[in-house]
Amino acid sequence: FDHAVVRAYRWPANELSAALDAAGFDIIETHRRTERGRRDVGALLGERRAR
């Protein structure tokens, strides 16, 4: 989507979480912010699993 500084992407949180899991990460925290009239914002905190 249009962004003032860099190219930006939207990822559904469940798909991003699955991609991180497949890449060897555990999801430690999730955050979501919603405001009327603005797009939702979310963050996932992942930690690489021990090999």
N, C-alpha and C. Protein backbone atom coordinates (compact mmCIF):
# COMPACT_ATOMS: atom_id res chain seq x y z
N PHE A 1 0.84 -1.18 0.00
CA PHE A 1 0.00 0.00 0.00
C PHE A 1 0.88 1.23 0.00
N ASP A 2 0.29 2.38 -0.33
CA ASP A 2 1.06 3.62 -0.37
C ASP A 2 1.58 3.99 1.01
N HIS A 3 2.85 4.36 1.05
CA HIS A 3 3.50 4.77 2.29
C HIS A 3 4.45 5.89 1.94
N ALA A 4 4.58 6.86 2.82
CA ALA A 4 5.37 8.06 2.52
C ALA A 4 6.86 7.78 2.39
N VAL A 5 7.37 6.71 3.00
CA VAL A 5 8.82 6.51 3.04
C VAL A 5 9.25 5.29 2.22
N VAL A 6 8.66 4.14 2.47
CA VAL A 6 9.08 2.91 1.80
C VAL A 6 7.86 2.12 1.35
N ARG A 7 8.10 1.12 0.50
CA ARG A 7 7.01 0.23 0.10
C ARG A 7 6.52 -0.53 1.34
N ALA A 8 5.24 -0.62 1.52
CA ALA A 8 4.67 -1.28 2.69
C ALA A 8 3.75 -2.41 2.23
N TYR A 9 3.58 -3.39 3.09
CA TYR A 9 2.75 -4.55 2.78
C TYR A 9 1.79 -4.81 3.92
N ARG A 10 0.68 -5.46 3.58
CA ARG A 10 -0.27 -5.92 4.59
C ARG A 10 -0.19 -7.44 4.64
N TRP A 11 -0.06 -7.97 5.81
CA TRP A 11 -0.05 -9.42 6.03
C TRP A 11 -1.12 -9.74 7.05
N PRO A 12 -2.04 -10.67 6.76
CA PRO A 12 -2.95 -11.13 7.81
C PRO A 12 -2.11 -11.74 8.94
N ALA A 13 -2.43 -11.39 10.17
CA ALA A 13 -1.63 -11.82 11.32
C ALA A 13 -1.48 -13.33 11.40
N ASN A 14 -2.54 -14.07 11.11
CA ASN A 14 -2.45 -15.53 11.20
C ASN A 14 -1.52 -16.09 10.13
N GLU A 15 -1.47 -15.48 8.94
CA GLU A 15 -0.56 -15.95 7.89
C GLU A 15 0.89 -15.61 8.23
N LEU A 16 1.12 -14.43 8.77
CA LEU A 16 2.47 -14.05 9.17
C LEU A 16 2.96 -14.94 10.31
N SER A 17 2.09 -15.23 11.25
CA SER A 17 2.43 -16.12 12.36
C SER A 17 2.81 -17.51 11.83
N ALA A 18 2.04 -18.02 10.88
CA ALA A 18 2.33 -19.34 10.30
C ALA A 18 3.66 -19.32 9.55
N ALA A 19 3.96 -18.24 8.84
CA ALA A 19 5.23 -18.13 8.11
C ALA A 19 6.40 -18.09 9.08
N LEU A 20 6.25 -17.37 10.18
CA LEU A 20 7.32 -17.32 11.19
C LEU A 20 7.52 -18.69 11.83
N ASP A 21 6.43 -19.38 12.12
CA ASP A 21 6.52 -20.72 12.70
C ASP A 21 7.26 -21.66 11.74
N ALA A 22 6.91 -21.60 10.46
CA ALA A 22 7.56 -22.45 9.46
C ALA A 22 9.04 -22.12 9.32
N ALA A 23 9.42 -20.88 9.61
CA ALA A 23 10.82 -20.46 9.51
C ALA A 23 11.60 -20.73 10.80
N GLY A 24 10.93 -21.34 11.80
CA GLY A 24 11.64 -21.71 13.02
C GLY A 24 11.52 -20.74 14.17
N PHE A 25 10.47 -19.92 14.17
CA PHE A 25 10.29 -18.95 15.25
C PHE A 25 9.07 -19.32 16.10
N ASP A 26 9.16 -19.05 17.40
CA ASP A 26 8.01 -19.11 18.30
C ASP A 26 7.48 -17.70 18.47
N ILE A 27 6.17 -17.53 18.47
CA ILE A 27 5.57 -16.22 18.70
C ILE A 27 5.51 -16.00 20.21
N ILE A 28 6.14 -14.93 20.67
CA ILE A 28 6.23 -14.61 22.09
C ILE A 28 5.12 -13.65 22.50
N GLU A 29 4.84 -12.65 21.67
CA GLU A 29 3.81 -11.65 21.96
C GLU A 29 3.12 -11.25 20.67
N THR A 30 1.86 -10.85 20.82
CA THR A 30 1.13 -10.22 19.71
C THR A 30 0.47 -8.95 20.23
N HIS A 31 0.41 -7.95 19.37
CA HIS A 31 -0.21 -6.67 19.72
C HIS A 31 -1.08 -6.23 18.56
N ARG A 32 -2.19 -5.57 18.87
CA ARG A 32 -3.08 -5.06 17.84
C ARG A 32 -3.67 -3.74 18.30
N ARG A 33 -3.69 -2.77 17.37
CA ARG A 33 -4.30 -1.47 17.67
C ARG A 33 -5.34 -1.18 16.60
N THR A 34 -6.52 -0.82 17.04
CA THR A 34 -7.58 -0.43 16.11
C THR A 34 -8.10 0.94 16.51
N GLU A 35 -8.31 1.76 15.50
CA GLU A 35 -8.89 3.08 15.72
C GLU A 35 -9.91 3.33 14.63
N ARG A 36 -11.02 3.90 14.99
CA ARG A 36 -12.05 4.22 14.02
C ARG A 36 -11.48 5.14 12.94
N GLY A 37 -11.72 4.79 11.68
CA GLY A 37 -11.28 5.62 10.58
C GLY A 37 -9.83 5.42 10.15
N ARG A 38 -9.11 4.53 10.82
CA ARG A 38 -7.71 4.26 10.47
C ARG A 38 -7.52 2.76 10.28
N ARG A 39 -6.52 2.38 9.52
CA ARG A 39 -6.29 0.95 9.32
C ARG A 39 -5.72 0.33 10.60
N ASP A 40 -6.03 -0.94 10.80
CA ASP A 40 -5.52 -1.66 11.96
C ASP A 40 -4.00 -1.80 11.87
N VAL A 41 -3.36 -1.82 13.02
CA VAL A 41 -1.91 -1.99 13.11
C VAL A 41 -1.64 -3.14 14.07
N GLY A 42 -0.71 -4.00 13.69
CA GLY A 42 -0.38 -5.11 14.57
C GLY A 42 1.11 -5.37 14.59
N ALA A 43 1.54 -6.11 15.59
CA ALA A 43 2.94 -6.49 15.71
C ALA A 43 3.03 -7.88 16.31
N LEU A 44 3.98 -8.64 15.82
CA LEU A 44 4.28 -9.96 16.37
C LEU A 44 5.73 -9.95 16.84
N LEU A 45 5.97 -10.50 18.00
CA LEU A 45 7.34 -10.64 18.50
C LEU A 45 7.68 -12.12 18.46
N GLY A 46 8.71 -12.45 17.71
CA GLY A 46 9.11 -13.85 17.57
C GLY A 46 10.50 -14.09 18.08
N GLU A 47 10.74 -15.33 18.49
CA GLU A 47 12.06 -15.74 18.98
C GLU A 47 12.44 -17.03 18.27
N ARG A 48 13.65 -17.06 17.70
CA ARG A 48 14.08 -18.26 16.98
C ARG A 48 14.23 -19.43 17.95
N ARG A 49 13.65 -20.57 17.54
CA ARG A 49 13.77 -21.79 18.34
C ARG A 49 15.21 -22.30 18.30
N ALA A 50 15.63 -22.93 19.39
CA ALA A 50 16.96 -23.53 19.44
C ALA A 50 17.04 -24.67 18.43
N ARG A 51 18.18 -24.82 17.82
CA ARG A 51 18.34 -25.89 16.81
C ARG A 51 18.78 -27.17 17.44
